[in-house]
């Protein structure tokens, strides 16, 4: 089994009362975190931005029993299966303003 990816949802206040989600990933011990996706729609409540980010984070999970996994590597060191990080499909809130 491949290693578990370290993903987290962050919420940023881009202006007073305007919140946006971002998904970050810990790449290795020297790279603390790297933004892999973020929303472009602002929410008036922190919890709404968090919920939207969590929905996007769950799109990184193929199997909820084992969580998000890094791709396998083949014998030559190349990745097999998912790319890492897996490309996200455009999130609904980017185009239609939320749920």
N, C-alpha and C. Protein backbone atom coordinates (compact mmCIF):
# COMPACT_ATOMS: atom_id res chain seq x y z
N UNK A 1 0.85 -1.19 0.00
CA UNK A 1 0.00 0.00 0.00
C UNK A 1 0.89 1.24 0.00
N UNK A 2 0.47 2.25 -0.71
CA UNK A 2 1.24 3.49 -0.78
C UNK A 2 1.02 4.33 0.47
N UNK A 3 1.84 5.33 0.62
CA UNK A 3 1.77 6.15 1.84
C UNK A 3 0.55 7.07 1.85
N UNK A 4 0.10 7.39 3.03
CA UNK A 4 -1.01 8.31 3.23
C UNK A 4 -0.55 9.73 2.94
N UNK A 5 -1.33 10.46 2.16
CA UNK A 5 -1.02 11.86 1.89
C UNK A 5 -1.45 12.70 3.09
N UNK A 6 -0.71 13.74 3.39
CA UNK A 6 -1.03 14.65 4.49
C UNK A 6 -1.71 15.89 3.94
N UNK A 7 -3.04 15.88 3.94
CA UNK A 7 -3.84 16.98 3.39
C UNK A 7 -4.57 17.70 4.51
N UNK A 8 -4.79 18.99 4.33
CA UNK A 8 -5.53 19.79 5.31
C UNK A 8 -6.28 20.91 4.60
N UNK A 9 -7.42 21.27 5.17
CA UNK A 9 -8.19 22.41 4.68
C UNK A 9 -7.86 23.60 5.57
N UNK A 10 -7.52 24.71 4.95
CA UNK A 10 -7.29 25.96 5.65
C UNK A 10 -8.34 26.96 5.17
N UNK A 11 -8.70 27.90 6.03
CA UNK A 11 -9.60 28.98 5.64
C UNK A 11 -8.86 30.28 5.85
N UNK A 12 -8.86 31.10 4.83
CA UNK A 12 -8.20 32.40 4.89
C UNK A 12 -9.24 33.50 4.82
N UNK A 13 -9.02 34.55 5.59
CA UNK A 13 -9.90 35.72 5.51
C UNK A 13 -9.22 36.71 4.56
N UNK A 14 -9.73 36.78 3.35
CA UNK A 14 -9.09 37.60 2.31
C UNK A 14 -9.43 39.07 2.45
N UNK A 15 -10.51 39.37 3.10
CA UNK A 15 -10.95 40.73 3.45
C UNK A 15 -11.88 40.55 4.65
N UNK A 16 -12.12 41.59 5.42
CA UNK A 16 -13.01 41.43 6.57
C UNK A 16 -14.36 40.81 6.17
N UNK A 17 -14.67 39.66 6.77
CA UNK A 17 -15.93 38.99 6.49
C UNK A 17 -15.99 38.22 5.17
N UNK A 18 -14.84 38.01 4.53
CA UNK A 18 -14.77 37.26 3.27
C UNK A 18 -13.78 36.12 3.44
N UNK A 19 -14.29 34.87 3.43
CA UNK A 19 -13.49 33.70 3.72
C UNK A 19 -13.38 32.80 2.50
N UNK A 20 -12.18 32.25 2.28
CA UNK A 20 -11.93 31.32 1.18
C UNK A 20 -11.17 30.11 1.71
N UNK A 21 -11.48 28.95 1.13
CA UNK A 21 -10.80 27.72 1.52
C UNK A 21 -9.56 27.51 0.66
N UNK A 22 -8.64 26.72 1.20
CA UNK A 22 -7.45 26.28 0.47
C UNK A 22 -7.07 24.89 0.99
N UNK A 23 -6.63 24.03 0.10
CA UNK A 23 -6.16 22.70 0.49
C UNK A 23 -4.64 22.70 0.37
N UNK A 24 -3.99 22.29 1.45
CA UNK A 24 -2.53 22.23 1.49
C UNK A 24 -2.10 20.79 1.71
N UNK A 25 -0.89 20.49 1.26
CA UNK A 25 -0.34 19.15 1.44
C UNK A 25 1.09 19.25 1.94
N UNK A 26 1.40 18.44 2.94
CA UNK A 26 2.77 18.30 3.41
C UNK A 26 3.47 17.37 2.43
N UNK A 27 4.48 17.87 1.75
CA UNK A 27 5.16 17.10 0.71
C UNK A 27 6.22 16.19 1.31
N UNK A 28 7.08 16.73 2.13
CA UNK A 28 8.12 15.95 2.79
C UNK A 28 8.55 16.69 4.05
N UNK A 29 9.59 16.22 4.68
CA UNK A 29 10.00 16.82 5.95
C UNK A 29 10.56 18.24 5.79
N UNK A 30 11.03 18.60 4.60
CA UNK A 30 11.58 19.94 4.40
C UNK A 30 10.55 20.92 3.85
N UNK A 31 9.52 20.41 3.19
CA UNK A 31 8.46 21.26 2.67
C UNK A 31 7.26 21.10 3.59
N UNK A 32 7.03 22.08 4.43
CA UNK A 32 5.97 21.96 5.42
C UNK A 32 4.61 21.81 4.76
N UNK A 33 4.29 22.69 3.82
CA UNK A 33 3.01 22.56 3.14
C UNK A 33 3.06 23.26 1.79
N UNK A 34 2.21 22.79 0.92
CA UNK A 34 2.14 23.33 -0.42
C UNK A 34 0.67 23.41 -0.79
N UNK A 35 0.21 24.58 -1.25
CA UNK A 35 -1.19 24.71 -1.67
C UNK A 35 -1.39 23.92 -2.95
N UNK A 36 -2.40 23.02 -2.94
CA UNK A 36 -2.68 22.25 -4.15
C UNK A 36 -3.98 22.67 -4.80
N UNK A 37 -4.83 23.41 -4.08
CA UNK A 37 -6.07 23.91 -4.66
C UNK A 37 -6.64 24.97 -3.73
N UNK A 38 -7.44 25.86 -4.29
CA UNK A 38 -8.10 26.87 -3.45
C UNK A 38 -9.34 27.37 -4.17
N UNK A 39 -10.28 27.85 -3.39
CA UNK A 39 -11.51 28.40 -3.94
C UNK A 39 -11.31 29.84 -4.37
N UNK A 40 -12.11 30.28 -5.30
CA UNK A 40 -12.04 31.67 -5.74
C UNK A 40 -13.27 32.46 -5.30
N UNK A 41 -14.26 31.74 -4.77
CA UNK A 41 -15.48 32.38 -4.27
C UNK A 41 -15.30 32.65 -2.79
N UNK A 42 -15.66 33.83 -2.34
CA UNK A 42 -15.61 34.17 -0.92
C UNK A 42 -16.95 33.85 -0.26
N UNK A 43 -16.87 33.41 0.98
CA UNK A 43 -18.06 33.10 1.77
C UNK A 43 -18.16 34.08 2.93
N UNK A 44 -19.36 34.46 3.34
CA UNK A 44 -19.51 35.41 4.44
C UNK A 44 -19.27 34.78 5.80
N UNK A 45 -19.27 33.44 5.86
CA UNK A 45 -19.04 32.75 7.14
C UNK A 45 -17.87 31.78 6.99
N UNK A 46 -17.01 31.74 8.01
CA UNK A 46 -15.86 30.85 8.02
C UNK A 46 -16.28 29.40 7.80
N UNK A 47 -17.33 28.97 8.49
CA UNK A 47 -17.75 27.56 8.43
C UNK A 47 -18.20 27.18 7.03
N UNK A 48 -18.80 28.08 6.28
CA UNK A 48 -19.21 27.77 4.91
C UNK A 48 -17.99 27.57 4.01
N UNK A 49 -16.97 28.39 4.19
CA UNK A 49 -15.75 28.23 3.41
C UNK A 49 -15.07 26.91 3.78
N UNK A 50 -15.05 26.58 5.06
CA UNK A 50 -14.45 25.32 5.49
C UNK A 50 -15.20 24.13 4.89
N UNK A 51 -16.52 24.16 4.96
CA UNK A 51 -17.32 23.06 4.42
C UNK A 51 -17.07 22.87 2.92
N UNK A 52 -16.98 23.96 2.18
CA UNK A 52 -16.71 23.87 0.74
C UNK A 52 -15.32 23.29 0.49
N UNK A 53 -14.35 23.68 1.29
CA UNK A 53 -13.00 23.12 1.16
C UNK A 53 -12.96 21.64 1.50
N UNK A 54 -13.72 21.24 2.51
CA UNK A 54 -13.76 19.83 2.89
C UNK A 54 -14.35 18.97 1.77
N UNK A 55 -15.37 19.48 1.10
CA UNK A 55 -15.95 18.76 -0.04
C UNK A 55 -14.88 18.54 -1.11
N UNK A 56 -14.08 19.57 -1.38
CA UNK A 56 -13.02 19.45 -2.38
C UNK A 56 -11.92 18.51 -1.91
N UNK A 57 -11.58 18.55 -0.63
CA UNK A 57 -10.57 17.64 -0.10
C UNK A 57 -11.00 16.18 -0.27
N UNK A 58 -12.27 15.90 -0.05
CA UNK A 58 -12.75 14.52 -0.16
C UNK A 58 -12.69 14.01 -1.60
N UNK A 59 -12.60 14.90 -2.57
CA UNK A 59 -12.43 14.46 -3.96
C UNK A 59 -11.05 13.85 -4.18
N UNK A 60 -10.12 14.08 -3.25
CA UNK A 60 -8.78 13.49 -3.32
C UNK A 60 -8.77 12.06 -2.78
N UNK A 61 -9.87 11.61 -2.20
CA UNK A 61 -9.94 10.30 -1.53
C UNK A 61 -10.69 9.32 -2.42
N UNK A 62 -9.99 8.29 -2.87
CA UNK A 62 -10.64 7.24 -3.67
C UNK A 62 -11.34 6.22 -2.79
N UNK A 63 -10.81 5.98 -1.60
CA UNK A 63 -11.37 4.97 -0.69
C UNK A 63 -11.38 5.55 0.72
N UNK A 64 -12.56 5.83 1.25
CA UNK A 64 -12.67 6.46 2.56
C UNK A 64 -12.14 5.59 3.70
N UNK A 65 -12.00 4.30 3.47
CA UNK A 65 -11.48 3.41 4.52
C UNK A 65 -9.99 3.61 4.74
N UNK A 66 -9.26 4.03 3.69
CA UNK A 66 -7.81 4.15 3.82
C UNK A 66 -7.30 5.56 3.58
N UNK A 67 -8.17 6.48 3.20
CA UNK A 67 -7.78 7.87 3.02
C UNK A 67 -7.05 8.15 1.72
N UNK A 68 -6.61 9.40 1.53
CA UNK A 68 -5.92 9.78 0.29
C UNK A 68 -4.52 9.16 0.26
N UNK A 69 -4.18 8.55 -0.84
CA UNK A 69 -2.90 7.85 -0.97
C UNK A 69 -2.06 8.44 -2.09
N UNK A 70 -0.75 8.41 -1.89
CA UNK A 70 0.19 8.79 -2.93
C UNK A 70 0.20 7.68 -3.97
N UNK A 71 0.60 7.97 -5.19
CA UNK A 71 0.64 6.92 -6.21
C UNK A 71 1.73 5.90 -5.93
N UNK A 72 1.53 4.70 -6.46
CA UNK A 72 2.57 3.67 -6.38
C UNK A 72 3.69 4.08 -7.30
N UNK A 73 4.88 3.55 -7.03
CA UNK A 73 5.99 3.75 -7.95
C UNK A 73 6.32 2.43 -8.62
N UNK A 74 6.62 2.47 -9.93
CA UNK A 74 7.00 1.25 -10.62
C UNK A 74 8.47 0.96 -10.35
N UNK A 75 8.99 -0.09 -10.91
CA UNK A 75 10.37 -0.50 -10.64
C UNK A 75 11.39 0.52 -11.11
N UNK A 76 11.03 1.36 -12.08
CA UNK A 76 11.95 2.38 -12.58
C UNK A 76 11.83 3.69 -11.82
N UNK A 77 11.00 3.73 -10.78
CA UNK A 77 10.85 4.95 -9.98
C UNK A 77 9.75 5.87 -10.45
N UNK A 78 9.09 5.55 -11.57
CA UNK A 78 7.99 6.38 -12.06
C UNK A 78 6.70 6.07 -11.33
N UNK A 79 5.78 7.00 -11.33
CA UNK A 79 4.52 6.77 -10.62
C UNK A 79 3.58 5.95 -11.48
N UNK A 80 2.76 5.15 -10.80
CA UNK A 80 1.77 4.30 -11.44
C UNK A 80 0.43 4.68 -10.86
N UNK A 81 -0.58 4.83 -11.68
CA UNK A 81 -1.91 5.15 -11.16
C UNK A 81 -2.11 6.64 -11.09
N UNK A 82 -2.51 7.14 -9.93
CA UNK A 82 -2.80 8.56 -9.76
C UNK A 82 -1.55 9.40 -9.90
N UNK A 83 -1.71 10.60 -10.43
CA UNK A 83 -0.62 11.56 -10.39
C UNK A 83 -0.59 12.17 -9.00
N UNK A 84 0.48 12.78 -8.62
CA UNK A 84 0.58 13.31 -7.26
C UNK A 84 1.02 14.74 -7.29
N UNK A 85 0.28 15.70 -6.74
CA UNK A 85 -1.08 15.50 -6.27
C UNK A 85 -2.03 15.31 -7.44
N UNK A 86 -3.10 14.61 -7.20
CA UNK A 86 -4.07 14.32 -8.25
C UNK A 86 -4.73 15.61 -8.72
N UNK A 87 -4.82 15.82 -10.04
CA UNK A 87 -5.49 17.03 -10.52
C UNK A 87 -6.95 17.05 -10.08
N UNK A 88 -7.41 18.19 -9.68
CA UNK A 88 -8.79 18.33 -9.24
C UNK A 88 -9.66 18.76 -10.40
N UNK A 89 -10.89 18.30 -10.40
CA UNK A 89 -11.86 18.80 -11.35
C UNK A 89 -12.29 20.18 -10.87
N UNK A 90 -12.70 21.06 -11.75
CA UNK A 90 -13.14 22.39 -11.30
C UNK A 90 -14.24 22.27 -10.26
N UNK A 91 -14.05 23.00 -9.17
CA UNK A 91 -15.05 22.93 -8.10
C UNK A 91 -16.28 23.75 -8.47
N UNK A 92 -17.43 23.26 -8.04
CA UNK A 92 -18.69 23.92 -8.36
C UNK A 92 -18.74 25.36 -7.88
N UNK A 93 -18.17 25.62 -6.70
CA UNK A 93 -18.31 26.98 -6.18
C UNK A 93 -17.48 27.98 -6.96
N UNK A 94 -16.57 27.53 -7.78
CA UNK A 94 -15.80 28.47 -8.60
C UNK A 94 -16.67 29.10 -9.68
N UNK A 95 -17.70 28.39 -10.10
CA UNK A 95 -18.51 28.86 -11.20
C UNK A 95 -19.92 29.29 -10.80
N UNK A 96 -20.48 28.62 -9.78
CA UNK A 96 -21.86 28.88 -9.45
C UNK A 96 -22.06 29.47 -8.06
N UNK A 97 -20.98 29.87 -7.40
CA UNK A 97 -21.13 30.58 -6.14
C UNK A 97 -21.56 29.75 -4.94
N UNK A 98 -21.23 28.48 -4.92
CA UNK A 98 -21.49 27.68 -3.72
C UNK A 98 -22.51 26.62 -3.95
N UNK A 99 -23.06 26.15 -2.85
CA UNK A 99 -23.93 24.97 -2.88
C UNK A 99 -25.37 25.35 -3.06
